Amino acid sequence: MAHLNFNSKLSDMVFCALDLETTGTSASVHKIVEIGMVKFTLDGVIDEYESFVNPQEHIPQSATRVHGITDEMVSSAMPISSIIKEIESFLKGTILIIQNPGFDLSFLSRAFYDNNIKLDYICAIDTVRISKLVYPQLDNHRLNTVSTYLGFDFKPHRALPDARACVEIFLSSLSILDPKRKFTLSNFISIHGKLIKPKPVFNTAKKVKEINGMKIGMPVIIKYKDSEGNTSEREIIPYNIVNDGGVVNILAYCKLRKEERLFKMDRITEIINILENNLI
């Protein structure tokens, strides 16, 4: 964060709201399909950047159900390697404004890492943290929930509209926290907490032959607990193991969803059958 002066007033700084849409949830194995950025100051928008990105692989239906982006929509787009310099130029010298920055920063980190670009100047403010402070009465602080509360109408789960929503949430929150525009960056950090940085070490997929008794490439039935605590049986074909920041995932083909998915290892409650009919 060498470019930051913590005594600078926020009113003198440039920010960049950023949002990415992807083929999945793990930067280790999934790709960016759309990027949206809005460069702005407290006085208004300076510039916007929007682009589809060709992931050079199939977009799973599970991802398309979220953002609506299909293979056809990105087929004529440039790969991330062809526009990464444009992205770097656009966001350099700004503080990023992101909803739950960990996700987007992991994909941004992967893209920069793959193209030999350093990330040491990048840091982000989390709109979730700020909206929780300013609007504690809300049931949740999802982008759509806070935007609706503020009366900002947008189409969620598309990169540029989501980035614009981040701008609205940040500026609205700041108008309440600092109505006279006296905050320095240091003042703001005392409320927000440390600015969020990309993780310096990128964890790639690790090639293995067996995962807790599950053989790579061999069908297996598992009991799997989802994020809401519901358990279901899934027949999967494990491909690989992926370690993202200490979270161990199984990359596998899911016969229920009929597509490749990631399964968190700690949510597999039981392995009840393998092709060879052995119990684990």
Protein backbone atom coordinates (compact mmCIF):
# COMPACT_ATOMS: atom_id res chain seq x y z
CA MET A 1 0.00 0.00 0.00
CA ALA A 2 2.90 2.27 -0.78
CA HIS A 3 0.71 4.76 -2.66
CA LEU A 4 -1.52 5.45 0.35
CA ASN A 5 -1.20 8.43 2.63
CA PHE A 6 -3.20 7.62 5.74
CA ASN A 7 -3.44 11.33 6.59
CA SER A 8 -5.13 12.10 3.26
CA LYS A 9 -8.76 13.15 3.39
CA LEU A 10 -11.24 10.76 1.76
CA SER A 11 -12.56 13.76 -0.15
CA ASP A 12 -9.20 14.00 -1.93
CA MET A 13 -8.97 10.30 -2.85
CA VAL A 14 -10.00 8.24 -5.85
CA PHE A 15 -11.91 4.97 -5.41
CA CYS A 16 -12.81 2.14 -7.75
CA ALA A 17 -15.82 -0.07 -7.18
CA LEU A 18 -15.23 -3.49 -8.69
CA ASP A 19 -17.29 -6.61 -9.31
CA LEU A 20 -16.54 -9.87 -11.12
CA GLU A 21 -18.76 -12.62 -12.46
CA THR A 22 -17.16 -16.05 -12.73
CA THR A 23 -17.60 -19.67 -13.76
CA GLY A 24 -17.65 -20.77 -10.12
CA THR A 25 -16.57 -20.07 -6.57
CA SER A 26 -12.88 -21.04 -6.50
CA ALA A 27 -10.15 -18.99 -8.15
CA SER A 28 -8.03 -22.14 -8.17
CA VAL A 29 -10.15 -23.82 -10.82
CA HIS A 30 -12.73 -21.28 -12.04
CA LYS A 31 -12.43 -18.23 -14.33
CA ILE A 32 -13.65 -14.65 -14.71
CA VAL A 33 -16.41 -14.12 -17.30
CA GLU A 34 -17.25 -10.45 -16.71
CA ILE A 35 -15.68 -7.45 -15.01
CA GLY A 36 -17.26 -4.14 -14.08
CA MET A 37 -15.48 -1.16 -12.52
CA VAL A 38 -16.54 2.35 -11.56
CA LYS A 39 -13.85 4.94 -10.78
CA PHE A 40 -15.16 7.76 -8.61
CA THR A 41 -14.53 10.39 -5.94
CA LEU A 42 -16.90 11.61 -3.25
CA ASP A 43 -18.08 14.17 -5.80
CA GLY A 44 -19.12 11.65 -8.43
CA VAL A 45 -18.19 9.12 -11.11
CA ILE A 46 -15.02 9.67 -13.15
CA ASP A 47 -15.16 6.68 -15.50
CA GLU A 48 -16.59 3.19 -15.97
CA TYR A 49 -15.18 -0.03 -17.39
CA GLU A 50 -17.20 -3.07 -18.44
CA SER A 51 -16.16 -6.16 -20.36
CA PHE A 52 -17.09 -9.77 -20.91
CA VAL A 53 -14.13 -12.11 -20.50
CA ASN A 54 -13.70 -15.32 -22.46
CA PRO A 55 -12.86 -17.99 -19.82
CA GLN A 56 -11.79 -20.36 -22.61
CA GLU A 57 -13.83 -23.09 -20.98
CA HIS A 58 -17.50 -24.01 -20.55
CA ILE A 59 -19.58 -21.90 -18.15
CA PRO A 60 -21.46 -24.34 -15.88
CA GLN A 61 -25.24 -24.05 -15.67
CA SER A 62 -24.94 -23.40 -11.91
CA ALA A 63 -22.98 -20.21 -12.67
CA THR A 64 -25.28 -19.16 -15.52
CA ARG A 65 -28.27 -19.51 -13.18
CA VAL A 66 -26.68 -16.87 -10.96
CA HIS A 67 -25.54 -14.24 -13.47
CA GLY A 68 -27.23 -15.25 -16.74
CA ILE A 69 -23.98 -15.25 -18.73
CA THR A 70 -23.69 -18.04 -21.29
CA ASP A 71 -20.92 -19.48 -23.45
CA GLU A 72 -22.39 -17.69 -26.47
CA MET A 73 -22.27 -14.31 -24.74
CA VAL A 74 -18.53 -14.55 -24.08
CA SER A 75 -17.50 -16.42 -27.23
CA SER A 76 -16.23 -13.30 -29.02
CA ALA A 77 -14.77 -11.66 -25.89
CA MET A 78 -11.04 -11.39 -25.20
CA PRO A 79 -9.38 -13.67 -22.63
CA ILE A 80 -8.27 -12.09 -19.36
CA SER A 81 -4.64 -12.06 -20.50
CA SER A 82 -5.54 -9.65 -23.32
CA ILE A 83 -7.23 -7.07 -21.10
CA ILE A 84 -5.34 -7.44 -17.81
CA LYS A 85 -3.18 -4.38 -18.56
CA GLU A 86 -6.32 -2.30 -19.15
CA ILE A 87 -7.71 -3.51 -15.84
CA GLU A 88 -4.45 -2.72 -14.05
CA SER A 89 -4.32 0.76 -15.55
CA PHE A 90 -7.93 1.49 -14.62
CA LEU A 91 -7.68 0.54 -10.96
CA LYS A 92 -4.11 1.62 -10.22
CA GLY A 93 -3.88 4.46 -7.71
CA THR A 94 -7.35 3.80 -6.30
CA ILE A 95 -8.78 2.11 -3.24
CA LEU A 96 -11.15 -0.66 -4.28
CA ILE A 97 -14.73 -0.73 -3.04
CA ILE A 98 -16.07 -4.31 -3.10
CA GLN A 99 -18.91 -6.29 -1.61
CA ASN A 100 -17.21 -9.11 0.36
CA PRO A 101 -13.76 -8.43 -1.16
CA GLY A 102 -12.27 -11.87 -0.46
CA PHE A 103 -14.06 -13.48 -3.41
CA ASP A 104 -13.27 -10.86 -6.05
CA LEU A 105 -9.72 -10.30 -4.78
CA SER A 106 -8.99 -14.03 -5.04
CA PHE A 107 -9.94 -14.04 -8.74
CA LEU A 108 -8.17 -10.74 -9.39
CA SER A 109 -5.09 -12.13 -7.64
CA ARG A 110 -5.19 -15.24 -9.83
CA ALA A 111 -5.49 -13.18 -13.01
CA PHE A 112 -2.59 -10.92 -12.03
CA TYR A 113 -0.49 -13.88 -10.84
CA ASP A 114 -1.01 -15.74 -14.12
CA ASN A 115 0.11 -12.67 -16.05
CA ASN A 116 3.14 -11.82 -13.88
CA ILE A 117 1.70 -8.58 -12.48
CA LYS A 118 2.35 -7.57 -8.88
CA LEU A 119 -0.57 -6.86 -6.56
CA ASP A 120 1.28 -5.11 -3.76
CA TYR A 121 -0.55 -1.80 -4.24
CA ILE A 122 -4.10 -3.23 -4.19
CA CYS A 123 -6.36 -2.89 -1.14
CA ALA A 124 -10.11 -2.83 -0.65
CA ILE A 125 -12.92 -1.48 1.51
CA ASP A 126 -15.76 -3.90 2.27
CA THR A 127 -19.26 -2.48 1.68
CA VAL A 128 -20.69 -5.24 3.90
CA ARG A 129 -18.71 -4.02 6.91
CA ILE A 130 -19.75 -0.42 6.32
CA SER A 131 -23.44 -1.12 5.69
CA LYS A 132 -23.60 -3.23 8.88
CA LEU A 133 -22.35 -0.23 10.83
CA VAL A 134 -24.73 2.25 9.23
CA TYR A 135 -27.82 0.07 8.65
CA PRO A 136 -27.84 -2.45 11.53
CA GLN A 137 -31.63 -2.71 11.36
CA LEU A 138 -31.54 -4.67 8.07
CA ASP A 139 -32.13 -8.42 8.15
CA ASN A 140 -29.00 -8.94 6.03
CA HIS A 141 -26.48 -6.81 4.18
CA ARG A 142 -26.50 -8.40 0.75
CA LEU A 143 -25.98 -6.00 -2.12
CA ASN A 144 -29.59 -6.29 -3.29
CA THR A 145 -31.02 -5.86 0.23
CA VAL A 146 -29.07 -2.69 1.02
CA SER A 147 -29.62 -1.23 -2.46
CA THR A 148 -33.38 -1.80 -2.22
CA TYR A 149 -33.41 -0.13 1.19
CA LEU A 150 -31.60 2.87 -0.31
CA GLY A 151 -34.00 2.99 -3.25
CA PHE A 152 -31.29 2.16 -5.77
CA ASP A 153 -32.75 0.01 -8.54
CA PHE A 154 -30.32 -2.29 -10.35
CA LYS A 155 -29.99 -5.72 -11.94
CA PRO A 156 -28.05 -7.88 -9.45
CA HIS A 157 -25.34 -10.41 -10.33
CA ARG A 158 -24.00 -8.53 -13.31
CA ALA A 159 -20.62 -6.89 -12.97
CA LEU A 160 -21.18 -3.22 -13.78
CA PRO A 161 -24.58 -2.88 -12.06
CA ASP A 162 -23.14 -4.53 -8.94
CA ALA A 163 -20.16 -2.18 -9.02
CA ARG A 164 -22.51 0.81 -9.33
CA ALA A 165 -24.48 -0.49 -6.35
CA CYS A 166 -21.25 -0.62 -4.32
CA VAL A 167 -20.66 3.05 -5.16
CA GLU A 168 -24.15 3.97 -3.93
CA ILE A 169 -23.76 2.01 -0.69
CA PHE A 170 -20.33 3.45 0.03
CA LEU A 171 -21.30 7.06 -0.64
CA SER A 172 -24.59 6.75 1.24
CA SER A 173 -22.87 5.18 4.25
CA LEU A 174 -20.12 7.78 4.24
CA SER A 175 -22.63 10.63 4.13
CA ILE A 176 -23.95 9.34 7.47
CA LEU A 177 -20.60 8.46 9.04
CA ASP A 178 -18.85 11.63 7.88
CA PRO A 179 -21.43 14.23 6.80
CA LYS A 180 -18.93 17.10 6.94
CA ARG A 181 -16.29 15.22 4.92
CA LYS A 182 -13.60 15.56 7.55
CA PHE A 183 -12.46 11.92 7.61
CA THR A 184 -8.91 11.04 6.77
CA LEU A 185 -8.13 7.53 5.58
CA SER A 186 -6.85 6.81 9.09
CA ASN A 187 -10.17 7.93 10.60
CA PHE A 188 -12.06 5.67 8.24
CA ILE A 189 -9.86 2.64 8.98
CA SER A 190 -10.51 3.09 12.69
CA ILE A 191 -14.19 2.37 11.92
CA HIS A 192 -13.88 -0.10 9.05
CA GLY A 193 -10.83 -2.02 10.23
CA LYS A 194 -7.74 -2.70 8.17
CA LEU A 195 -8.05 -2.41 4.41
CA ILE A 196 -8.35 -5.81 2.79
CA LYS A 197 -5.47 -7.14 0.71
CA PRO A 198 -5.29 -10.09 -1.70
CA LYS A 199 -3.74 -13.14 -0.12
CA PRO A 200 -0.05 -13.25 -1.11
CA VAL A 201 0.04 -17.00 -1.72
CA PHE A 202 -2.18 -18.51 -4.36
CA ASN A 203 -3.18 -22.13 -3.77
CA THR A 204 -3.50 -24.20 -6.91
CA ALA A 205 -5.14 -27.57 -7.33
CA LYS A 206 -3.06 -30.44 -6.03
CA LYS A 207 -2.87 -33.64 -8.07
CA VAL A 208 -3.71 -36.72 -6.01
CA LYS A 209 -4.76 -40.31 -6.67
CA GLU A 210 -7.02 -40.78 -3.66
CA ILE A 211 -9.01 -38.50 -1.32
CA ASN A 212 -10.04 -39.97 2.04
CA GLY A 213 -10.57 -43.34 0.39
CA MET A 214 -12.28 -41.88 -2.70
CA LYS A 215 -10.33 -42.80 -5.81
CA ILE A 216 -9.86 -40.16 -8.47
CA GLY A 217 -12.09 -40.87 -11.47
CA MET A 218 -14.21 -43.49 -9.67
CA PRO A 219 -17.90 -42.80 -8.83
CA VAL A 220 -18.78 -42.54 -5.15
CA ILE A 221 -21.90 -41.72 -3.14
CA ILE A 222 -21.53 -39.13 -0.38
CA LYS A 223 -23.76 -37.48 2.18
CA TYR A 224 -23.22 -33.75 1.87
CA LYS A 225 -24.36 -30.91 4.13
CA ASP A 226 -25.08 -27.62 2.35
CA SER A 227 -24.54 -24.11 3.73
CA GLU A 228 -27.98 -24.14 5.36
CA GLY A 229 -27.35 -27.43 7.15
CA ASN A 230 -29.47 -29.62 4.86
CA THR A 231 -27.98 -33.04 4.05
CA SER A 232 -28.46 -34.86 0.75
CA GLU A 233 -26.93 -37.83 -1.02
CA ARG A 234 -24.84 -37.07 -4.06
CA GLU A 235 -23.20 -39.37 -6.55
CA ILE A 236 -19.97 -37.77 -7.64
CA ILE A 237 -16.83 -38.57 -9.59
CA PRO A 238 -13.85 -36.95 -7.82
CA TYR A 239 -11.32 -35.22 -10.08
CA ASN A 240 -8.97 -33.40 -7.76
CA ILE A 241 -8.42 -31.72 -4.42
CA VAL A 242 -8.26 -27.91 -4.20
CA ASN A 243 -6.91 -25.95 -1.25
CA ASP A 244 -8.14 -22.35 -1.15
CA GLY A 245 -6.74 -20.45 1.81
CA GLY A 246 -6.82 -23.51 4.03
CA VAL A 247 -10.29 -24.62 2.93
CA VAL A 248 -10.07 -28.07 1.36
CA ASN A 249 -12.45 -28.72 -1.55
CA ILE A 250 -13.12 -31.72 -3.73
CA LEU A 251 -13.42 -30.93 -7.43
CA ALA A 252 -15.87 -33.48 -8.84
CA TYR A 253 -18.54 -34.18 -11.43
CA CYS A 254 -21.93 -34.12 -9.71
CA LYS A 255 -24.48 -36.43 -11.33
CA LEU A 256 -27.34 -34.62 -9.60
CA ARG A 257 -26.41 -31.25 -11.13
CA LYS A 258 -24.87 -32.84 -14.25
CA GLU A 259 -21.84 -30.57 -14.07
CA GLU A 260 -18.48 -30.04 -12.40
CA ARG A 261 -18.72 -28.68 -8.85
CA LEU A 262 -16.66 -28.05 -5.73
CA PHE A 263 -17.55 -29.85 -2.51
CA LYS A 264 -16.12 -28.67 0.80
CA MET A 265 -14.37 -31.57 2.50
CA ASP A 266 -15.72 -30.66 5.94
CA ARG A 267 -19.29 -30.86 4.65
CA ILE A 268 -18.97 -34.47 3.50
CA THR A 269 -20.50 -36.19 6.52
CA GLU A 270 -20.31 -39.75 5.22
CA ILE A 271 -18.93 -41.78 2.34
CA ILE A 272 -21.47 -44.56 2.01
CA ASN A 273 -20.49 -46.38 -1.17
CA ILE A 274 -17.83 -46.68 -3.85
CA LEU A 275 -18.02 -48.35 -7.25
CA GLU A 276 -16.32 -51.46 -5.88
CA ASN A 277 -19.13 -51.68 -3.26
CA ASN A 278 -16.71 -51.12 -0.38
CA LEU A 279 -17.94 -49.12 2.60
CA ILE A 280 -15.71 -46.37 3.87
